[in-house]
């Protein structure tokens, strides 16, 4: 890696780290909506940078970078009812019937696939696998936290009443849940950039 790129990476990440550190101050000073809004935007921005050129939309970039670099197993879990609300899943009536029997739980992607393998042909199974991300708690955070803040300048409290994951109650989605995820992504994007001489995987031009 050339010295110029190394200095650019260091300077850019110092600036980003300062901005992200400020979110905790915002939150502690009573500006929770603003802190959460910026937290979601930074996650999305790093996802857009890392997956640039792959043809993903903003929502998928947000979800994928949480799945791959957020180090939060729960946000990667799939909420069956939310998965089945996505237009891509409307034709899966057998899956709907099957997952309706397990209300009150969220599952890992592996567990959902194991449940549904018994009722799907191979092509449909592959389509399900490709769309599981739409039912993750990360996707719910994008839709109901990020989108509400961007379009309506307010949040709603996302609670999962009587819902469990691995026998533990699913906690609320809020700043306190997402901020450590953002910090994990930032740390790993910095490591990746310094190791590869790129900006979050994107070569310098």
C-alpha atoms as a PDB file:
ATOM      1  CA  UNK A   1       0.000   0.000   0.000  1.00  0.00           C
ATOM      2  CA  UNK A   2       1.382   3.393  -0.970  1.00  0.00           C
ATOM      3  CA  UNK A   3       2.030   5.943   1.742  1.00  0.00           C
ATOM      4  CA  UNK A   4      -0.515   8.367   0.299  1.00  0.00           C
ATOM      5  CA  UNK A   5      -3.326   5.833   0.492  1.00  0.00           C
ATOM      6  CA  UNK A   6      -2.327   4.879   4.034  1.00  0.00           C
ATOM      7  CA  UNK A   7      -2.510   8.493   5.194  1.00  0.00           C
ATOM      8  CA  UNK A   8      -5.848   8.963   3.449  1.00  0.00           C
ATOM      9  CA  UNK A   9      -7.290   5.872   5.135  1.00  0.00           C
ATOM     10  CA  UNK A  10      -6.049   6.995   8.559  1.00  0.00           C
ATOM     11  CA  UNK A  11      -7.396  10.526   8.129  1.00  0.00           C
ATOM     12  CA  UNK A  12     -10.782   9.394   6.842  1.00  0.00           C
ATOM     13  CA  UNK A  13     -11.262   6.919   9.645  1.00  0.00           C
ATOM     14  CA  UNK A  14     -10.188   9.420  12.296  1.00  0.00           C
ATOM     15  CA  UNK A  15     -12.908  11.744  11.013  1.00  0.00           C
ATOM     16  CA  UNK A  16     -15.488   8.941  10.928  1.00  0.00           C
ATOM     17  CA  UNK A  17     -14.551   7.716  14.397  1.00  0.00           C
ATOM     18  CA  UNK A  18     -15.018  11.228  15.810  1.00  0.00           C
ATOM     19  CA  UNK A  19     -18.455  11.514  14.208  1.00  0.00           C
ATOM     20  CA  UNK A  20     -19.549   8.125  15.486  1.00  0.00           C
ATOM     21  CA  UNK A  21     -18.212   8.816  19.003  1.00  0.00           C
ATOM     22  CA  UNK A  22     -20.351  11.960  19.061  1.00  0.00           C
ATOM     23  CA  UNK A  23     -23.508   9.837  18.750  1.00  0.00           C
ATOM     24  CA  UNK A  24     -23.052   8.546  22.281  1.00  0.00           C
ATOM     25  CA  UNK A  25     -22.840  12.142  23.538  1.00  0.00           C
ATOM     26  CA  UNK A  26     -26.003  13.029  21.636  1.00  0.00           C
ATOM     27  CA  UNK A  27     -27.838  10.089  23.167  1.00  0.00           C
ATOM     28  CA  UNK A  28     -26.675  10.808  26.714  1.00  0.00           C
ATOM     29  CA  UNK A  29     -27.759  14.444  26.345  1.00  0.00           C
ATOM     30  CA  UNK A  30     -31.327  13.493  25.535  1.00  0.00           C
ATOM     31  CA  UNK A  31     -31.194  13.556  21.731  1.00  0.00           C
ATOM     32  CA  UNK A  32     -32.007   9.899  21.253  1.00  0.00           C
ATOM     33  CA  UNK A  33     -33.850  10.293  17.927  1.00  0.00           C
ATOM     34  CA  UNK A  34     -30.980  12.241  16.392  1.00  0.00           C
ATOM     35  CA  UNK A  35     -28.425   9.734  17.677  1.00  0.00           C
ATOM     36  CA  UNK A  36     -30.417   6.792  16.332  1.00  0.00           C
ATOM     37  CA  UNK A  37     -31.007   8.502  12.982  1.00  0.00           C
ATOM     38  CA  UNK A  38     -27.292   9.092  12.463  1.00  0.00           C
ATOM     39  CA  UNK A  39     -26.439   5.597  13.724  1.00  0.00           C
ATOM     40  CA  UNK A  40     -28.683   4.036  11.060  1.00  0.00           C
ATOM     41  CA  UNK A  41     -27.329   6.358   8.375  1.00  0.00           C
ATOM     42  CA  UNK A  42     -23.700   5.486   9.170  1.00  0.00           C
ATOM     43  CA  UNK A  43     -24.461   1.756   9.054  1.00  0.00           C
ATOM     44  CA  UNK A  44     -26.182   2.227   5.707  1.00  0.00           C
ATOM     45  CA  UNK A  45     -23.356   4.388   4.355  1.00  0.00           C
ATOM     46  CA  UNK A  46     -20.698   1.829   5.232  1.00  0.00           C
ATOM     47  CA  UNK A  47     -22.842  -0.875   3.653  1.00  0.00           C
ATOM     48  CA  UNK A  48     -23.210   1.196   0.494  1.00  0.00           C
ATOM     49  CA  UNK A  49     -19.458   1.705   0.356  1.00  0.00           C
ATOM     50  CA  UNK A  50     -18.564  -1.922   0.980  1.00  0.00           C
ATOM     51  CA  UNK A  51     -21.095  -3.415  -1.442  1.00  0.00           C
ATOM     52  CA  UNK A  52     -20.712  -0.727  -4.098  1.00  0.00           C
ATOM     53  CA  UNK A  53     -21.183  -2.108  -7.602  1.00  0.00           C
ATOM     54  CA  UNK A  54     -22.996  -5.265  -6.478  1.00  0.00           C
ATOM     55  CA  UNK A  55     -26.439  -4.001  -7.409  1.00  0.00           C
ATOM     56  CA  UNK A  56     -27.856  -4.091  -3.889  1.00  0.00           C
ATOM     57  CA  UNK A  57     -30.377  -1.512  -2.745  1.00  0.00           C
ATOM     58  CA  UNK A  58     -29.828   0.566   0.381  1.00  0.00           C
ATOM     59  CA  UNK A  59     -31.891  -1.748   2.558  1.00  0.00           C
ATOM     60  CA  UNK A  60     -29.969  -4.857   1.547  1.00  0.00           C
ATOM     61  CA  UNK A  61     -26.638  -3.074   2.059  1.00  0.00           C
ATOM     62  CA  UNK A  62     -27.777  -2.104   5.564  1.00  0.00           C
ATOM     63  CA  UNK A  63     -28.836  -5.653   6.411  1.00  0.00           C
ATOM     64  CA  UNK A  64     -25.847  -7.409   4.842  1.00  0.00           C
ATOM     65  CA  UNK A  65     -23.203  -5.327   6.567  1.00  0.00           C
ATOM     66  CA  UNK A  66     -24.904  -6.006   9.896  1.00  0.00           C
ATOM     67  CA  UNK A  67     -25.019  -9.717   9.079  1.00  0.00           C
ATOM     68  CA  UNK A  68     -21.384  -9.888   8.023  1.00  0.00           C
ATOM     69  CA  UNK A  69     -19.673  -7.342  10.261  1.00  0.00           C
ATOM     70  CA  UNK A  70     -22.072  -6.288  13.031  1.00  0.00           C
ATOM     71  CA  UNK A  71     -21.326  -9.211  15.374  1.00  0.00           C
ATOM     72  CA  UNK A  72     -24.923  -9.319  16.600  1.00  0.00           C
ATOM     73  CA  UNK A  73     -26.542 -12.724  16.222  1.00  0.00           C
ATOM     74  CA  UNK A  74     -29.988 -11.504  17.212  1.00  0.00           C
ATOM     75  CA  UNK A  75     -30.205  -8.861  14.462  1.00  0.00           C
ATOM     76  CA  UNK A  76     -29.496 -11.626  11.938  1.00  0.00           C
ATOM     77  CA  UNK A  77     -32.399 -13.715  13.222  1.00  0.00           C
ATOM     78  CA  UNK A  78     -35.536 -14.064  11.089  1.00  0.00           C
ATOM     79  CA  UNK A  79     -38.988 -13.011  12.258  1.00  0.00           C
ATOM     80  CA  UNK A  80     -41.339 -15.413  10.405  1.00  0.00           C
ATOM     81  CA  UNK A  81     -44.361 -13.107  10.291  1.00  0.00           C
ATOM     82  CA  UNK A  82     -42.324 -10.220   8.918  1.00  0.00           C
ATOM     83  CA  UNK A  83     -40.658 -12.466   6.356  1.00  0.00           C
ATOM     84  CA  UNK A  84     -44.022 -13.610   5.043  1.00  0.00           C
ATOM     85  CA  UNK A  85     -45.216 -10.017   4.603  1.00  0.00           C
ATOM     86  CA  UNK A  86     -42.639  -9.334   1.899  1.00  0.00           C
ATOM     87  CA  UNK A  87     -44.052  -9.468  -1.667  1.00  0.00           C
ATOM     88  CA  UNK A  88     -41.377 -11.984  -2.670  1.00  0.00           C
ATOM     89  CA  UNK A  89     -42.892 -14.487  -0.227  1.00  0.00           C
ATOM     90  CA  UNK A  90     -46.584 -14.229  -1.148  1.00  0.00           C
ATOM     91  CA  UNK A  91     -46.599 -17.392  -3.244  1.00  0.00           C
ATOM     92  CA  UNK A  92     -45.197 -19.556  -0.458  1.00  0.00           C
ATOM     93  CA  UNK A  93     -48.494 -20.706   1.048  1.00  0.00           C
ATOM     94  CA  UNK A  94     -46.998 -23.920   2.432  1.00  0.00           C
ATOM     95  CA  UNK A  95     -44.320 -21.915   4.199  1.00  0.00           C
ATOM     96  CA  UNK A  96     -46.977 -19.555   5.534  1.00  0.00           C
ATOM     97  CA  UNK A  97     -48.937 -22.446   7.019  1.00  0.00           C
ATOM     98  CA  UNK A  98     -45.788 -23.991   8.486  1.00  0.00           C
ATOM     99  CA  UNK A  99     -44.377 -20.820  10.043  1.00  0.00           C
ATOM    100  CA  UNK A 100     -47.765 -19.738  11.397  1.00  0.00           C
ATOM    101  CA  UNK A 101     -47.477 -22.686  13.766  1.00  0.00           C
ATOM    102  CA  UNK A 102     -44.378 -21.257  15.426  1.00  0.00           C
ATOM    103  CA  UNK A 103     -45.620 -17.793  16.363  1.00  0.00           C
ATOM    104  CA  UNK A 104     -43.828 -16.040  19.174  1.00  0.00           C
ATOM    105  CA  UNK A 105     -40.347 -17.076  18.099  1.00  0.00           C
ATOM    106  CA  UNK A 106     -37.611 -15.799  15.845  1.00  0.00           C
ATOM    107  CA  UNK A 107     -35.108 -18.155  14.257  1.00  0.00           C
ATOM    108  CA  UNK A 108     -31.655 -18.249  12.758  1.00  0.00           C
ATOM    109  CA  UNK A 109     -31.609 -18.440   8.971  1.00  0.00           C
ATOM    110  CA  UNK A 110     -30.400 -22.038   9.249  1.00  0.00           C
ATOM    111  CA  UNK A 111     -33.355 -22.965  11.441  1.00  0.00           C
ATOM    112  CA  UNK A 112     -35.861 -21.403   9.031  1.00  0.00           C
ATOM    113  CA  UNK A 113     -34.354 -23.287   6.114  1.00  0.00           C
ATOM    114  CA  UNK A 114     -34.437 -26.556   8.041  1.00  0.00           C
ATOM    115  CA  UNK A 115     -38.102 -25.993   8.889  1.00  0.00           C
ATOM    116  CA  UNK A 116     -39.081 -25.144   5.329  1.00  0.00           C
ATOM    117  CA  UNK A 117     -37.008 -27.735   3.484  1.00  0.00           C
ATOM    118  CA  UNK A 118     -39.717 -30.317   4.107  1.00  0.00           C
ATOM    119  CA  UNK A 119     -42.389 -28.386   2.167  1.00  0.00           C
ATOM    120  CA  UNK A 120     -40.445 -26.752  -0.714  1.00  0.00           C
ATOM    121  CA  UNK A 121     -39.138 -27.912  -4.051  1.00  0.00           C
ATOM    122  CA  UNK A 122     -35.519 -27.029  -4.795  1.00  0.00           C
ATOM    123  CA  UNK A 123     -36.229 -23.896  -6.890  1.00  0.00           C
ATOM    124  CA  UNK A 124     -38.563 -22.488  -4.267  1.00  0.00           C
ATOM    125  CA  UNK A 125     -36.116 -23.386  -1.512  1.00  0.00           C
ATOM    126  CA  UNK A 126     -33.392 -21.398  -3.286  1.00  0.00           C
ATOM    127  CA  UNK A 127     -35.731 -18.424  -3.683  1.00  0.00           C
ATOM    128  CA  UNK A 128     -36.595 -18.577   0.001  1.00  0.00           C
ATOM    129  CA  UNK A 129     -32.915 -18.713   0.926  1.00  0.00           C
ATOM    130  CA  UNK A 130     -32.193 -15.652  -1.213  1.00  0.00           C
ATOM    131  CA  UNK A 131     -34.943 -13.647   0.478  1.00  0.00           C
ATOM    132  CA  UNK A 132     -34.484 -14.579   4.138  1.00  0.00           C
ATOM    133  CA  UNK A 133     -32.672 -11.307   4.791  1.00  0.00           C
ATOM    134  CA  UNK A 134     -35.982  -9.485   4.257  1.00  0.00           C
ATOM    135  CA  UNK A 135     -37.346 -10.976   7.478  1.00  0.00           C
ATOM    136  CA  UNK A 136     -34.349 -10.303   9.708  1.00  0.00           C
ATOM    137  CA  UNK A 137     -34.517  -8.015  12.703  1.00  0.00           C
ATOM    138  CA  UNK A 138     -31.921  -5.902  10.872  1.00  0.00           C
ATOM    139  CA  UNK A 139     -34.412  -5.412   8.030  1.00  0.00           C
ATOM    140  CA  UNK A 140     -37.090  -4.460  10.554  1.00  0.00           C
ATOM    141  CA  UNK A 141     -34.693  -1.905  12.029  1.00  0.00           C
ATOM    142  CA  UNK A 142     -34.169  -0.418   8.573  1.00  0.00           C
ATOM    143  CA  UNK A 143     -37.877  -0.184   7.831  1.00  0.00           C
ATOM    144  CA  UNK A 144     -39.147   0.978  11.197  1.00  0.00           C
ATOM    145  CA  UNK A 145     -36.240   2.940  12.613  1.00  0.00           C
ATOM    146  CA  UNK A 146     -34.212   4.287   9.709  1.00  0.00           C
ATOM    147  CA  UNK A 147     -37.193   4.954   7.417  1.00  0.00           C
ATOM    148  CA  UNK A 148     -39.391   6.521  10.091  1.00  0.00           C
ATOM    149  CA  UNK A 149     -36.608   8.868  11.113  1.00  0.00           C
ATOM    150  CA  UNK A 150     -35.771   9.854   7.537  1.00  0.00           C
ATOM    151  CA  UNK A 151     -39.351  10.355   6.359  1.00  0.00           C
ATOM    152  CA  UNK A 152     -41.220  11.345   9.509  1.00  0.00           C
ATOM    153  CA  UNK A 153     -38.488  12.708  11.825  1.00  0.00           C
ATOM    154  CA  UNK A 154     -39.594  10.461  14.660  1.00  0.00           C
ATOM    155  CA  UNK A 155     -39.222   6.919  15.872  1.00  0.00           C
ATOM    156  CA  UNK A 156     -41.605   4.285  17.043  1.00  0.00           C
ATOM    157  CA  UNK A 157     -40.764   1.922  19.851  1.00  0.00           C
ATOM    158  CA  UNK A 158     -40.081  -1.476  18.305  1.00  0.00           C
ATOM    159  CA  UNK A 159     -40.929  -4.098  20.878  1.00  0.00           C
ATOM    160  CA  UNK A 160     -41.418  -7.820  20.332  1.00  0.00           C
ATOM    161  CA  UNK A 161     -43.986  -8.732  22.936  1.00  0.00           C
ATOM    162  CA  UNK A 162     -43.985 -12.394  23.977  1.00  0.00           C
ATOM    163  CA  UNK A 163     -41.369 -13.210  21.355  1.00  0.00           C
ATOM    164  CA  UNK A 164     -38.297 -15.301  22.098  1.00  0.00           C
ATOM    165  CA  UNK A 165     -35.014 -16.276  20.468  1.00  0.00           C
ATOM    166  CA  UNK A 166     -33.253 -19.335  21.875  1.00  0.00           C
ATOM    167  CA  UNK A 167     -35.593 -19.179  24.892  1.00  0.00           C
ATOM    168  CA  UNK A 168     -34.703 -15.553  25.679  1.00  0.00           C
ATOM    169  CA  UNK A 169     -37.079 -12.626  25.279  1.00  0.00           C
ATOM    170  CA  UNK A 170     -36.294 -10.538  22.198  1.00  0.00           C
ATOM    171  CA  UNK A 171     -35.281  -7.040  23.368  1.00  0.00           C
ATOM    172  CA  UNK A 172     -36.399  -3.732  21.856  1.00  0.00           C
ATOM    173  CA  UNK A 173     -34.662  -2.364  18.773  1.00  0.00           C
ATOM    174  CA  UNK A 174     -33.199   1.013  19.687  1.00  0.00           C
ATOM    175  CA  UNK A 175     -30.020   3.074  19.776  1.00  0.00           C
ATOM    176  CA  UNK A 176     -28.553   1.020  22.589  1.00  0.00           C
ATOM    177  CA  UNK A 177     -28.866  -2.097  20.444  1.00  0.00           C
ATOM    178  CA  UNK A 178     -27.596  -0.614  17.196  1.00  0.00           C
ATOM    179  CA  UNK A 179     -24.755   1.592  18.432  1.00  0.00           C
ATOM    180  CA  UNK A 180     -22.437  -1.314  19.408  1.00  0.00           C
ATOM    181  CA  UNK A 181     -23.222  -2.870  16.012  1.00  0.00           C
ATOM    182  CA  UNK A 182     -22.129   0.343  14.289  1.00  0.00           C
ATOM    183  CA  UNK A 183     -18.905   0.361  16.320  1.00  0.00           C
ATOM    184  CA  UNK A 184     -18.196  -3.256  15.342  1.00  0.00           C
ATOM    185  CA  UNK A 185     -18.729  -2.475  11.667  1.00  0.00           C
ATOM    186  CA  UNK A 186     -16.514   0.611  11.878  1.00  0.00           C
ATOM    187  CA  UNK A 187     -13.707  -1.334  13.538  1.00  0.00           C
ATOM    188  CA  UNK A 188     -13.796  -4.121  10.970  1.00  0.00           C
ATOM    189  CA  UNK A 189     -14.071  -1.747   8.010  1.00  0.00           C
ATOM    190  CA  UNK A 190     -10.993   0.081   9.305  1.00  0.00           C
ATOM    191  CA  UNK A 191      -9.063  -3.173   9.646  1.00  0.00           C
ATOM    192  CA  UNK A 192     -10.126  -4.256   6.160  1.00  0.00           C
ATOM    193  CA  UNK A 193      -9.164  -0.918   4.626  1.00  0.00           C
ATOM    194  CA  UNK A 194      -5.715  -0.887   6.228  1.00  0.00           C
ATOM    195  CA  UNK A 195      -5.031  -4.505   5.272  1.00  0.00           C
ATOM    196  CA  UNK A 196      -6.088  -4.090   1.639  1.00  0.00           C
ATOM    197  CA  UNK A 197      -5.153  -0.470   0.954  1.00  0.00           C
ATOM    198  CA  UNK A 198      -8.750   0.300  -0.028  1.00  0.00           C
ATOM    199  CA  UNK A 199     -11.613   2.403   1.269  1.00  0.00           C
ATOM    200  CA  UNK A 200     -13.887  -0.269   2.754  1.00  0.00           C
ATOM    201  CA  UNK A 201     -12.996  -2.621  -0.069  1.00  0.00           C
ATOM    202  CA  UNK A 202     -13.169  -0.050  -2.849  1.00  0.00           C
ATOM    203  CA  UNK A 203      -9.856   0.627  -4.642  1.00  0.00           C
ATOM    204  CA  UNK A 204      -8.563   4.180  -4.725  1.00  0.00           C
ATOM    205  CA  UNK A 205      -8.758   5.675  -8.196  1.00  0.00           C
END
